[in-house]
Amino acid sequence: MTGDQKYLFFRRSAILDKDYPLIVSKIKGLSFFNSKRASNGDEMIDVIFKEVFSKSGFVVREEQESLSKHIYRNMLEHKILLSDIPVGLGKTHAYLVAAIVFNFFLKKNALHNRMPIVFTTSSIELQRAITQEDIPEISAQLLASGILKAPITYVLRKDKENYVRENRLRDYVNTLDPSKKRITEYTALKRLLSNGVIDLGEVNAISYL
């Protein structure tokens, strides 16, 4: 199923009938033993939510799995999908899994292999959660289960609202009165200016400029 090879043991003598129970127990001990091999995207989504995620302590939610399948089918048919989903359903995992499965079953097509799947977010917080928590977590689970052979990769693109112009930042800092500014924020601003880092997403102590 995974294409990996593993030595269970090595011996110079022939395998006897009495040895088979030990062989069977070693095979059953493999992490991917008895895993279901999905033949299509819907089955793969079933496996991921009901087998892979559940082993890691995730609660299986039929609505979340149904949403993921719905997204996947619309991707296959190149349709536009608008969904009004309640808070707490697990939308992020639903669309990430749909995208992963979509790419998985198109991996033999060289054209699709070179084309990324793009997600846009409404906030930096969600952007950070997807890249620093959700994708690494899902990637590790799918690797451990043998579904993926390589980690999921991504490229993070930020718009201009994530950045501040250096001259604007310098002018702002020069007009500040340290005695009237929170010391943590003032220190962070000075450090931001001295380091030449203008990505606001990398600075935690600054609320706004």
N, C-alpha and C. Protein backbone atom coordinates (compact mmCIF):
# COMPACT_ATOMS: atom_id res chain seq x y z
N MET A 1 0.83 -1.21 0.00
CA MET A 1 0.00 0.00 0.00
C MET A 1 0.86 1.26 0.00
N THR A 2 1.93 1.27 0.80
CA THR A 2 2.79 2.45 0.91
C THR A 2 3.99 2.38 -0.03
N GLY A 3 4.35 1.20 -0.50
CA GLY A 3 5.54 1.06 -1.32
C GLY A 3 6.81 0.90 -0.50
N ASP A 4 6.71 1.01 0.82
CA ASP A 4 7.88 0.87 1.69
C ASP A 4 8.18 -0.61 1.93
N GLN A 5 9.42 -0.87 2.25
CA GLN A 5 9.83 -2.23 2.59
C GLN A 5 10.32 -2.26 4.03
N LYS A 6 10.04 -3.34 4.74
CA LYS A 6 10.44 -3.45 6.14
C LYS A 6 10.83 -4.89 6.45
N TYR A 7 12.01 -5.07 7.06
CA TYR A 7 12.43 -6.39 7.51
C TYR A 7 11.74 -6.70 8.84
N LEU A 8 10.99 -7.79 8.88
CA LEU A 8 10.36 -8.22 10.13
C LEU A 8 11.35 -9.05 10.95
N PHE A 9 12.15 -9.83 10.28
CA PHE A 9 13.19 -10.60 10.94
C PHE A 9 14.07 -11.24 9.85
N PHE A 10 15.18 -11.82 10.25
CA PHE A 10 16.08 -12.49 9.31
C PHE A 10 16.44 -13.85 9.91
N ARG A 11 16.39 -14.87 9.06
CA ARG A 11 16.73 -16.22 9.55
C ARG A 11 17.34 -17.03 8.41
N ARG A 12 18.15 -18.00 8.79
CA ARG A 12 18.84 -18.83 7.81
C ARG A 12 18.11 -20.15 7.57
N SER A 13 17.21 -20.51 8.46
CA SER A 13 16.52 -21.80 8.32
C SER A 13 15.13 -21.58 7.72
N ALA A 14 14.52 -22.67 7.27
CA ALA A 14 13.21 -22.58 6.64
C ALA A 14 12.15 -22.20 7.67
N ILE A 15 11.11 -21.55 7.19
CA ILE A 15 9.99 -21.19 8.06
C ILE A 15 9.10 -22.42 8.26
N LEU A 16 8.84 -22.73 9.52
CA LEU A 16 8.02 -23.90 9.85
C LEU A 16 6.60 -23.45 10.21
N ASP A 17 5.69 -24.42 10.29
CA ASP A 17 4.29 -24.10 10.62
C ASP A 17 4.20 -23.38 11.96
N LYS A 18 5.04 -23.74 12.91
CA LYS A 18 4.97 -23.14 14.25
C LYS A 18 5.43 -21.69 14.24
N ASP A 19 6.10 -21.29 13.16
CA ASP A 19 6.60 -19.90 13.09
C ASP A 19 5.55 -18.92 12.58
N TYR A 20 4.50 -19.42 11.96
CA TYR A 20 3.53 -18.52 11.32
C TYR A 20 2.81 -17.59 12.30
N PRO A 21 2.42 -18.05 13.50
CA PRO A 21 1.77 -17.11 14.43
C PRO A 21 2.64 -15.89 14.75
N LEU A 22 3.95 -16.11 14.89
CA LEU A 22 4.85 -15.00 15.16
C LEU A 22 4.92 -14.05 13.97
N ILE A 23 4.96 -14.62 12.76
CA ILE A 23 5.00 -13.80 11.54
C ILE A 23 3.74 -12.95 11.43
N VAL A 24 2.60 -13.59 11.69
CA VAL A 24 1.32 -12.88 11.60
C VAL A 24 1.26 -11.74 12.63
N SER A 25 1.74 -12.00 13.84
CA SER A 25 1.70 -10.96 14.88
C SER A 25 2.59 -9.78 14.52
N LYS A 26 3.73 -10.04 13.87
CA LYS A 26 4.61 -8.95 13.45
C LYS A 26 3.97 -8.11 12.34
N ILE A 27 3.31 -8.79 11.42
CA ILE A 27 2.63 -8.07 10.33
C ILE A 27 1.49 -7.22 10.89
N LYS A 28 0.73 -7.79 11.83
CA LYS A 28 -0.38 -7.05 12.41
C LYS A 28 0.10 -5.85 13.23
N GLY A 29 1.34 -5.91 13.66
CA GLY A 29 1.89 -4.81 14.46
C GLY A 29 2.30 -3.60 13.65
N LEU A 30 2.33 -3.74 12.31
CA LEU A 30 2.71 -2.60 11.46
C LEU A 30 1.62 -1.53 11.51
N SER A 31 2.05 -0.27 11.49
CA SER A 31 1.11 0.83 11.66
C SER A 31 0.05 0.89 10.57
N PHE A 32 0.38 0.40 9.38
CA PHE A 32 -0.56 0.50 8.27
C PHE A 32 -1.29 -0.81 8.00
N PHE A 33 -1.16 -1.79 8.91
CA PHE A 33 -1.84 -3.07 8.71
C PHE A 33 -3.35 -2.88 8.69
N ASN A 34 -3.99 -3.50 7.76
CA ASN A 34 -5.45 -3.50 7.63
C ASN A 34 -6.01 -2.12 7.26
N SER A 35 -5.14 -1.22 6.80
CA SER A 35 -5.63 0.08 6.36
C SER A 35 -6.37 -0.08 5.04
N LYS A 36 -7.42 0.70 4.89
CA LYS A 36 -8.22 0.61 3.68
C LYS A 36 -7.55 1.38 2.55
N ARG A 37 -7.46 0.80 1.40
CA ARG A 37 -6.90 1.47 0.23
C ARG A 37 -8.04 2.09 -0.56
N ALA A 38 -8.06 3.41 -0.61
CA ALA A 38 -9.15 4.12 -1.27
C ALA A 38 -8.95 4.11 -2.77
N SER A 39 -10.02 3.84 -3.50
CA SER A 39 -9.94 3.81 -4.96
C SER A 39 -10.40 5.11 -5.60
N ASN A 40 -11.03 5.99 -4.81
CA ASN A 40 -11.47 7.28 -5.35
C ASN A 40 -11.45 8.33 -4.25
N GLY A 41 -11.76 9.56 -4.62
CA GLY A 41 -11.66 10.65 -3.67
C GLY A 41 -12.61 10.56 -2.50
N ASP A 42 -13.86 10.16 -2.75
CA ASP A 42 -14.82 10.04 -1.66
C ASP A 42 -14.37 9.00 -0.62
N GLU A 43 -13.86 7.87 -1.10
CA GLU A 43 -13.38 6.85 -0.18
C GLU A 43 -12.16 7.34 0.59
N MET A 44 -11.29 8.10 -0.09
CA MET A 44 -10.10 8.63 0.57
C MET A 44 -10.49 9.59 1.69
N ILE A 45 -11.48 10.43 1.45
CA ILE A 45 -11.95 11.36 2.49
C ILE A 45 -12.52 10.58 3.67
N ASP A 46 -13.25 9.50 3.38
CA ASP A 46 -13.76 8.62 4.45
C ASP A 46 -12.62 8.09 5.30
N VAL A 47 -11.59 7.58 4.64
CA VAL A 47 -10.44 7.00 5.34
C VAL A 47 -9.77 8.05 6.22
N ILE A 48 -9.57 9.24 5.67
CA ILE A 48 -8.84 10.28 6.41
C ILE A 48 -9.61 10.70 7.66
N PHE A 49 -10.89 10.96 7.52
CA PHE A 49 -11.67 11.43 8.67
C PHE A 49 -11.97 10.32 9.67
N LYS A 50 -12.37 9.14 9.17
CA LYS A 50 -12.86 8.10 10.07
C LYS A 50 -11.76 7.20 10.61
N GLU A 51 -10.62 7.11 9.90
CA GLU A 51 -9.55 6.24 10.36
C GLU A 51 -8.32 7.04 10.81
N VAL A 52 -7.82 7.89 9.94
CA VAL A 52 -6.57 8.61 10.25
C VAL A 52 -6.79 9.62 11.37
N PHE A 53 -7.75 10.52 11.19
CA PHE A 53 -7.98 11.56 12.19
C PHE A 53 -8.48 10.98 13.51
N SER A 54 -9.34 9.97 13.44
CA SER A 54 -9.89 9.41 14.68
C SER A 54 -8.81 8.76 15.54
N LYS A 55 -7.77 8.21 14.91
CA LYS A 55 -6.66 7.62 15.67
C LYS A 55 -5.89 8.67 16.45
N SER A 56 -5.96 9.93 15.99
CA SER A 56 -5.26 11.02 16.67
C SER A 56 -6.16 11.74 17.66
N GLY A 57 -7.33 11.22 17.90
CA GLY A 57 -8.21 11.80 18.89
C GLY A 57 -9.24 12.77 18.35
N PHE A 58 -9.29 12.95 17.03
CA PHE A 58 -10.28 13.85 16.45
C PHE A 58 -11.67 13.19 16.50
N VAL A 59 -12.66 14.00 16.82
CA VAL A 59 -14.05 13.51 16.83
C VAL A 59 -14.57 13.48 15.39
N VAL A 60 -15.13 12.36 15.00
CA VAL A 60 -15.67 12.22 13.65
C VAL A 60 -17.00 12.97 13.57
N ARG A 61 -17.07 13.95 12.67
CA ARG A 61 -18.30 14.72 12.47
C ARG A 61 -18.78 14.53 11.04
N GLU A 62 -19.97 13.97 10.90
CA GLU A 62 -20.50 13.65 9.58
C GLU A 62 -20.65 14.91 8.73
N GLU A 63 -21.04 16.04 9.36
CA GLU A 63 -21.22 17.28 8.60
C GLU A 63 -19.90 17.77 8.02
N GLN A 64 -18.83 17.63 8.79
CA GLN A 64 -17.52 18.05 8.32
C GLN A 64 -17.04 17.19 7.16
N GLU A 65 -17.22 15.89 7.28
CA GLU A 65 -16.84 14.97 6.21
C GLU A 65 -17.68 15.21 4.96
N SER A 66 -18.98 15.46 5.15
CA SER A 66 -19.87 15.73 4.02
C SER A 66 -19.47 17.01 3.30
N LEU A 67 -19.08 18.04 4.06
CA LEU A 67 -18.63 19.29 3.46
C LEU A 67 -17.36 19.07 2.64
N SER A 68 -16.44 18.29 3.17
CA SER A 68 -15.19 18.01 2.46
C SER A 68 -15.47 17.30 1.13
N LYS A 69 -16.37 16.33 1.15
CA LYS A 69 -16.73 15.63 -0.09
C LYS A 69 -17.40 16.57 -1.08
N HIS A 70 -18.24 17.45 -0.57
CA HIS A 70 -18.94 18.40 -1.43
C HIS A 70 -17.94 19.33 -2.12
N ILE A 71 -16.96 19.80 -1.37
CA ILE A 71 -15.91 20.66 -1.94
C ILE A 71 -15.11 19.89 -2.98
N TYR A 72 -14.75 18.66 -2.64
CA TYR A 72 -13.95 17.83 -3.56
C TYR A 72 -14.68 17.60 -4.89
N ARG A 73 -15.97 17.27 -4.81
CA ARG A 73 -16.74 17.01 -6.04
C ARG A 73 -16.85 18.26 -6.90
N ASN A 74 -17.00 19.41 -6.27
CA ASN A 74 -17.07 20.66 -7.03
C ASN A 74 -15.73 20.98 -7.68
N MET A 75 -14.63 20.64 -7.02
CA MET A 75 -13.31 20.83 -7.62
C MET A 75 -13.15 19.93 -8.84
N LEU A 76 -13.62 18.70 -8.73
CA LEU A 76 -13.53 17.77 -9.86
C LEU A 76 -14.31 18.29 -11.07
N GLU A 77 -15.45 18.90 -10.81
CA GLU A 77 -16.32 19.36 -11.89
C GLU A 77 -16.05 20.80 -12.29
N HIS A 78 -15.01 21.40 -11.67
CA HIS A 78 -14.61 22.78 -11.98
C HIS A 78 -15.77 23.76 -11.78
N LYS A 79 -16.49 23.57 -10.67
CA LYS A 79 -17.63 24.42 -10.37
C LYS A 79 -17.27 25.42 -9.27
N ILE A 80 -18.08 26.46 -9.18
CA ILE A 80 -17.96 27.44 -8.11
C ILE A 80 -18.90 27.04 -6.99
N LEU A 81 -18.38 26.99 -5.77
CA LEU A 81 -19.17 26.57 -4.62
C LEU A 81 -19.22 27.69 -3.59
N LEU A 82 -20.43 28.06 -3.18
CA LEU A 82 -20.62 29.02 -2.09
C LEU A 82 -21.28 28.29 -0.93
N SER A 83 -20.65 28.35 0.24
CA SER A 83 -21.18 27.62 1.39
C SER A 83 -21.27 28.54 2.60
N ASP A 84 -22.39 28.49 3.29
CA ASP A 84 -22.58 29.22 4.53
C ASP A 84 -22.52 28.20 5.66
N ILE A 85 -21.36 28.14 6.32
CA ILE A 85 -21.10 27.08 7.28
C ILE A 85 -21.05 27.66 8.69
N PRO A 86 -21.71 27.05 9.66
CA PRO A 86 -21.70 27.56 11.03
C PRO A 86 -20.32 27.48 11.68
N VAL A 87 -20.09 28.35 12.63
CA VAL A 87 -18.82 28.36 13.35
C VAL A 87 -18.66 27.05 14.13
N GLY A 88 -17.45 26.50 14.10
CA GLY A 88 -17.15 25.31 14.88
C GLY A 88 -17.32 24.00 14.16
N LEU A 89 -17.71 24.04 12.90
CA LEU A 89 -17.90 22.78 12.16
C LEU A 89 -16.57 22.15 11.76
N GLY A 90 -15.55 22.97 11.59
CA GLY A 90 -14.26 22.44 11.13
C GLY A 90 -14.05 22.67 9.65
N LYS A 91 -14.36 23.88 9.20
CA LYS A 91 -14.28 24.19 7.77
C LYS A 91 -12.86 24.04 7.24
N THR A 92 -11.87 24.48 8.03
CA THR A 92 -10.49 24.48 7.55
C THR A 92 -10.02 23.07 7.21
N HIS A 93 -10.24 22.12 8.10
CA HIS A 93 -9.85 20.74 7.81
C HIS A 93 -10.65 20.19 6.63
N ALA A 94 -11.90 20.60 6.50
CA ALA A 94 -12.73 20.10 5.41
C ALA A 94 -12.16 20.50 4.06
N TYR A 95 -11.83 21.78 3.89
CA TYR A 95 -11.34 22.18 2.56
C TYR A 95 -9.87 21.81 2.34
N LEU A 96 -9.08 21.71 3.41
CA LEU A 96 -7.70 21.26 3.24
C LEU A 96 -7.66 19.80 2.79
N VAL A 97 -8.47 18.96 3.42
CA VAL A 97 -8.53 17.54 3.04
C VAL A 97 -9.04 17.40 1.61
N ALA A 98 -10.06 18.16 1.25
CA ALA A 98 -10.59 18.11 -0.12
C ALA A 98 -9.50 18.45 -1.13
N ALA A 99 -8.71 19.47 -0.84
CA ALA A 99 -7.64 19.88 -1.76
C ALA A 99 -6.54 18.83 -1.84
N ILE A 100 -6.19 18.25 -0.70
CA ILE A 100 -5.15 17.22 -0.68
C ILE A 100 -5.58 16.00 -1.49
N VAL A 101 -6.81 15.57 -1.28
CA VAL A 101 -7.34 14.40 -2.01
C VAL A 101 -7.45 14.71 -3.50
N PHE A 102 -7.90 15.90 -3.84
CA PHE A 102 -7.99 16.31 -5.24
C PHE A 102 -6.62 16.21 -5.92
N ASN A 103 -5.60 16.72 -5.26
CA ASN A 103 -4.25 16.67 -5.82
C ASN A 103 -3.71 15.25 -5.85
N PHE A 104 -4.07 14.44 -4.86
CA PHE A 104 -3.60 13.06 -4.77
C PHE A 104 -4.03 12.24 -5.99
N PHE A 105 -5.27 12.38 -6.39
CA PHE A 105 -5.79 11.58 -7.49
C PHE A 105 -5.48 12.18 -8.85
N LEU A 106 -4.88 13.35 -8.87
CA LEU A 106 -4.44 13.93 -10.13
C LEU A 106 -2.92 13.94 -10.25
N LYS A 107 -2.23 13.29 -9.32
CA LYS A 107 -0.77 13.38 -9.28
C LYS A 107 -0.09 12.75 -10.50
N LYS A 108 -0.79 11.84 -11.18
CA LYS A 108 -0.19 11.23 -12.36
C LYS A 108 -0.24 12.15 -13.57
N ASN A 109 -1.02 13.19 -13.46
CA ASN A 109 -1.12 14.17 -14.55
C ASN A 109 -0.07 15.25 -14.32
N ALA A 110 0.92 15.33 -15.21
CA ALA A 110 2.04 16.26 -15.02
C ALA A 110 1.58 17.71 -14.97
N LEU A 111 0.55 18.04 -15.73
CA LEU A 111 0.08 19.42 -15.75
C LEU A 111 -0.44 19.83 -14.39
N HIS A 112 -1.30 19.00 -13.79
CA HIS A 112 -1.85 19.31 -12.48
C HIS A 112 -0.79 19.23 -11.40
N ASN A 113 0.22 18.40 -11.60
CA ASN A 113 1.28 18.26 -10.62
C ASN A 113 2.04 19.57 -10.43
N ARG A 114 2.09 20.39 -11.45
CA ARG A 114 2.84 21.64 -11.38
C ARG A 114 1.99 22.82 -10.92
N MET A 115 0.69 22.61 -10.80
CA MET A 115 -0.19 23.72 -10.47
C MET A 115 -0.58 23.69 -8.98
N PRO A 116 -0.35 24.79 -8.26
CA PRO A 116 -0.72 24.81 -6.84
C PRO A 116 -2.20 25.04 -6.65
N ILE A 117 -2.67 24.72 -5.46
CA ILE A 117 -4.03 25.05 -5.06
C ILE A 117 -3.95 26.26 -4.15
N VAL A 118 -4.73 27.28 -4.43
CA VAL A 118 -4.62 28.56 -3.73
C VAL A 118 -5.75 28.70 -2.71
N PHE A 119 -5.38 29.09 -1.49
CA PHE A 119 -6.35 29.43 -0.45
C PHE A 119 -6.15 30.89 -0.08
N THR A 120 -7.23 31.62 0.06
CA THR A 120 -7.14 32.99 0.56
C THR A 120 -7.86 33.06 1.91
N THR A 121 -7.32 33.85 2.82
CA THR A 121 -7.88 33.94 4.16
C THR A 121 -8.32 35.37 4.45
N SER A 122 -9.22 35.51 5.41
CA SER A 122 -9.73 36.82 5.76
C SER A 122 -8.93 37.49 6.88
N SER A 123 -8.03 36.75 7.49
CA SER A 123 -7.26 37.32 8.60
C SER A 123 -5.88 36.69 8.67
N ILE A 124 -4.95 37.43 9.28
CA ILE A 124 -3.59 36.92 9.48
C ILE A 124 -3.62 35.76 10.47
N GLU A 125 -4.53 35.82 11.45
CA GLU A 125 -4.62 34.75 12.45
C GLU A 125 -4.97 33.41 11.80
N LEU A 126 -5.93 33.42 10.88
CA LEU A 126 -6.29 32.19 10.19
C LEU A 126 -5.15 31.73 9.29
N GLN A 127 -4.50 32.66 8.64
CA GLN A 127 -3.35 32.35 7.80
C GLN A 127 -2.27 31.65 8.61
N ARG A 128 -2.01 32.19 9.80
CA ARG A 128 -0.98 31.61 10.66
C ARG A 128 -1.40 30.23 11.15
N ALA A 129 -2.67 30.06 11.48
CA ALA A 129 -3.15 28.76 11.97
C ALA A 129 -3.04 27.68 10.90
N ILE A 130 -3.38 28.03 9.66
CA ILE A 130 -3.32 27.06 8.57
C ILE A 130 -1.88 26.61 8.31
N THR A 131 -0.95 27.57 8.26
CA THR A 131 0.43 27.25 7.88
C THR A 131 1.25 26.67 9.03
N GLN A 132 0.96 27.09 10.25
CA GLN A 132 1.79 26.67 11.38
C GLN A 132 1.19 25.53 12.17
N GLU A 133 -0.11 25.30 12.01
CA GLU A 133 -0.76 24.24 12.79
C GLU A 133 -1.44 23.19 11.91
N ASP A 134 -2.39 23.62 11.10
CA ASP A 134 -3.24 22.66 10.38
C ASP A 134 -2.47 21.85 9.33
N ILE A 135 -1.76 22.52 8.43
CA ILE A 135 -1.04 21.79 7.38
C ILE A 135 0.03 20.86 7.95
N PRO A 136 0.90 21.33 8.88
CA PRO A 136 1.89 20.39 9.44
C PRO A 136 1.24 19.21 10.15
N GLU A 137 0.14 19.46 10.86
CA GLU A 137 -0.54 18.39 11.60
C GLU A 137 -1.14 17.36 10.64
N ILE A 138 -1.87 17.83 9.64
CA ILE A 138 -2.48 16.91 8.67
C ILE A 138 -1.39 16.15 7.91
N SER A 139 -0.33 16.86 7.53
CA SER A 139 0.77 16.23 6.80
C SER A 139 1.39 15.09 7.60
N ALA A 140 1.63 15.33 8.88
CA ALA A 140 2.23 14.30 9.74
C ALA A 140 1.32 13.09 9.87
N GLN A 141 0.02 13.32 10.00
CA GLN A 141 -0.93 12.21 10.14
C GLN A 141 -1.01 11.38 8.87
N LEU A 142 -1.02 12.04 7.72
CA LEU A 142 -1.12 11.30 6.45
C LEU A 142 0.18 10.58 6.13
N LEU A 143 1.30 11.12 6.56
CA LEU A 143 2.58 10.43 6.38
C LEU A 143 2.63 9.17 7.25
N ALA A 144 2.22 9.31 8.49
CA ALA A 144 2.25 8.18 9.42
C ALA A 144 1.32 7.06 8.98
N SER A 145 0.22 7.41 8.32
CA SER A 145 -0.74 6.40 7.88
C SER A 145 -0.35 5.76 6.56
N GLY A 146 0.66 6.31 5.87
CA GLY A 146 1.10 5.76 4.59
C GLY A 146 0.36 6.30 3.40
N ILE A 147 -0.55 7.26 3.61
CA ILE A 147 -1.28 7.83 2.47
C ILE A 147 -0.36 8.72 1.64
N LEU A 148 0.48 9.49 2.31
CA LEU A 148 1.46 10.35 1.62
C LEU A 148 2.86 9.81 1.81
N LYS A 149 3.71 10.03 0.82
CA LYS A 149 5.10 9.61 0.92
C LYS A 149 6.03 10.79 1.18
N ALA A 150 5.52 12.00 1.03
CA ALA A 150 6.32 13.21 1.25
C ALA A 150 5.45 14.24 1.96
N PRO A 151 6.06 15.10 2.77
CA PRO A 151 5.27 16.11 3.49
C PRO A 151 4.56 17.07 2.53
N ILE A 152 3.46 17.63 2.98
CA ILE A 152 2.75 18.65 2.22
C ILE A 152 3.56 19.94 2.26
N THR A 153 3.75 20.55 1.11
CA THR A 153 4.49 21.80 1.05
C THR A 153 3.56 22.95 0.70
N TYR A 154 3.95 24.15 1.08
CA TYR A 154 3.14 25.32 0.78
C TYR A 154 4.04 26.54 0.66
N VAL A 155 3.54 27.55 0.01
CA VAL A 155 4.20 28.85 -0.09
C VAL A 155 3.23 29.90 0.44
N LEU A 156 3.69 30.72 1.36
CA LEU A 156 2.83 31.74 1.96
C LEU A 156 3.04 33.07 1.24
N ARG A 157 1.97 33.61 0.69
CA ARG A 157 2.00 34.92 0.03
C ARG A 157 1.18 35.91 0.84
N LYS A 158 1.76 37.05 1.14
CA LYS A 158 1.07 38.06 1.95
C LYS A 158 0.82 39.31 1.12
N ASP A 159 -0.30 39.98 1.42
CA ASP A 159 -0.59 41.21 0.68
C ASP A 159 0.07 42.41 1.37
N LYS A 160 -0.10 43.58 0.79
CA LYS A 160 0.61 44.77 1.26
C LYS A 160 0.20 45.20 2.66
N GLU A 161 -0.99 44.78 3.12
CA GLU A 161 -1.42 45.17 4.45
C GLU A 161 -0.59 44.51 5.55
N ASN A 162 0.20 43.50 5.20
CA ASN A 162 1.07 42.85 6.17
C ASN A 162 2.37 43.61 6.38
N TYR A 163 2.61 44.61 5.57
CA TYR A 163 3.91 45.27 5.60
C TYR A 163 3.76 46.76 5.86
N VAL A 164 4.84 47.36 6.36
CA VAL A 164 4.89 48.80 6.57
C VAL A 164 6.12 49.34 5.85
N ARG A 165 5.97 50.50 5.23
CA ARG A 165 7.11 51.10 4.54
C ARG A 165 8.13 51.57 5.56
N GLU A 166 9.40 51.36 5.28
CA GLU A 166 10.46 51.67 6.23
C GLU A 166 10.50 53.17 6.56
N ASN A 167 10.34 54.02 5.55
CA ASN A 167 10.38 55.45 5.85
C ASN A 167 9.19 55.90 6.70
N ARG A 168 8.03 55.29 6.45
CA ARG A 168 6.85 55.61 7.27
C ARG A 168 7.06 55.16 8.70
N LEU A 169 7.62 53.97 8.87
CA LEU A 169 7.90 53.46 10.20
C LEU A 169 8.89 54.36 10.94
N ARG A 170 9.95 54.78 10.23
CA ARG A 170 10.96 55.63 10.85
C ARG A 170 10.36 56.96 11.29
N ASP A 171 9.54 57.56 10.43
CA ASP A 171 8.90 58.83 10.79
C ASP A 171 7.99 58.67 12.00
N TYR A 172 7.28 57.55 12.04
CA TYR A 172 6.37 57.30 13.16
C TYR A 172 7.14 57.15 14.47
N VAL A 173 8.21 56.36 14.46
CA VAL A 173 9.00 56.13 15.67
C VAL A 173 9.63 57.42 16.16
N ASN A 174 10.08 58.26 15.24
CA ASN A 174 10.73 59.52 15.62
C ASN A 174 9.77 60.49 16.30
N THR A 175 8.49 60.34 16.05
CA THR A 175 7.52 61.25 16.66
C THR A 175 6.99 60.74 18.00
N LEU A 176 7.37 59.55 18.41
CA LEU A 176 6.85 58.97 19.64
C LEU A 176 7.54 59.54 20.88
N ASP A 177 6.77 59.66 21.92
CA ASP A 177 7.29 60.02 23.24
C ASP A 177 7.35 58.73 24.07
N PRO A 178 8.54 58.22 24.35
CA PRO A 178 8.66 56.94 25.06
C PRO A 178 7.89 56.90 26.37
N SER A 179 7.73 58.04 27.02
CA SER A 179 7.05 58.07 28.31
C SER A 179 5.53 57.91 28.16
N LYS A 180 5.02 58.11 26.96
CA LYS A 180 3.58 58.01 26.72
C LYS A 180 3.21 56.77 25.92
N LYS A 181 4.17 55.94 25.67
CA LYS A 181 3.93 54.72 24.89
C LYS A 181 4.22 53.51 25.75
N ARG A 182 3.44 52.46 25.58
CA ARG A 182 3.74 51.22 26.31
C ARG A 182 5.16 50.79 26.00
N ILE A 183 5.92 50.48 27.05
CA ILE A 183 7.34 50.18 26.87
C ILE A 183 7.56 48.97 25.97
N THR A 184 6.68 47.96 26.10
CA THR A 184 6.85 46.75 25.27
C THR A 184 6.62 47.07 23.79
N GLU A 185 5.61 47.89 23.51
CA GLU A 185 5.34 48.25 22.12
C GLU A 185 6.40 49.16 21.55
N TYR A 186 6.87 50.10 22.39
CA TYR A 186 7.92 51.02 21.93
C TYR A 186 9.21 50.26 21.62
N THR A 187 9.57 49.34 22.50
CA THR A 187 10.78 48.52 22.29
C THR A 187 10.65 47.67 21.03
N ALA A 188 9.45 47.11 20.81
CA ALA A 188 9.23 46.28 19.62
C ALA A 188 9.35 47.11 18.35
N LEU A 189 8.84 48.34 18.38
CA LEU A 189 8.94 49.23 17.22
C LEU A 189 10.39 49.57 16.91
N LYS A 190 11.15 49.87 17.96
CA LYS A 190 12.57 50.19 17.76
C LYS A 190 13.33 48.98 17.21
N ARG A 191 13.00 47.81 17.73
CA ARG A 191 13.67 46.59 17.26
C ARG A 191 13.29 46.29 15.80
N LEU A 192 12.02 46.51 15.48
CA LEU A 192 11.54 46.31 14.11
C LEU A 192 12.30 47.21 13.15
N LEU A 193 12.51 48.44 13.56
CA LEU A 193 13.21 49.41 12.71
C LEU A 193 14.68 49.06 12.57
N SER A 194 15.31 48.66 13.66
CA SER A 194 16.74 48.35 13.62
C SER A 194 17.03 47.07 12.87
N ASN A 195 16.10 46.10 12.93
CA ASN A 195 16.32 44.82 12.23
C ASN A 195 16.01 44.90 10.74
N GLY A 196 15.29 45.94 10.34
CA GLY A 196 14.93 46.06 8.94
C GLY A 196 13.84 45.10 8.52
N VAL A 197 13.12 44.50 9.50
CA VAL A 197 12.03 43.58 9.19
C VAL A 197 10.74 44.38 9.11
N ILE A 198 10.07 44.33 7.99
CA ILE A 198 8.86 45.14 7.82
C ILE A 198 7.60 44.29 7.73
N ASP A 199 7.72 43.00 8.03
CA ASP A 199 6.56 42.11 8.03
C ASP A 199 5.93 42.18 9.42
N LEU A 200 4.76 42.78 9.53
CA LEU A 200 4.10 42.95 10.81
C LEU A 200 3.66 41.63 11.42
N GLY A 201 3.48 40.62 10.59
CA GLY A 201 3.08 39.32 11.09
C GLY A 201 4.15 38.65 11.93
N GLU A 202 5.39 39.13 11.83
CA GLU A 202 6.50 38.55 12.58
C GLU A 202 6.70 39.25 13.92
N VAL A 203 5.91 40.25 14.22
CA VAL A 203 6.07 41.02 15.45
C VAL A 203 4.82 40.85 16.30
N ASN A 204 4.98 40.35 17.52
CA ASN A 204 3.83 40.06 18.37
C ASN A 204 3.44 41.21 19.30
N ALA A 205 4.37 42.09 19.60
CA ALA A 205 4.10 43.10 20.63
C ALA A 205 3.47 44.36 20.09
N ILE A 206 3.26 44.43 18.77
CA ILE A 206 2.71 45.64 18.16
C ILE A 206 1.25 45.39 17.80
N SER A 207 0.37 46.25 18.29
CA SER A 207 -1.04 46.10 18.00
C SER A 207 -1.40 46.80 16.71
N TYR A 208 -0.85 48.00 16.48
CA TYR A 208 -1.12 48.75 15.25
C TYR A 208 -0.08 49.84 15.11
N LEU A 209 -0.02 50.40 13.91
CA LEU A 209 0.87 51.53 13.66
C LEU A 209 0.03 52.75 13.36
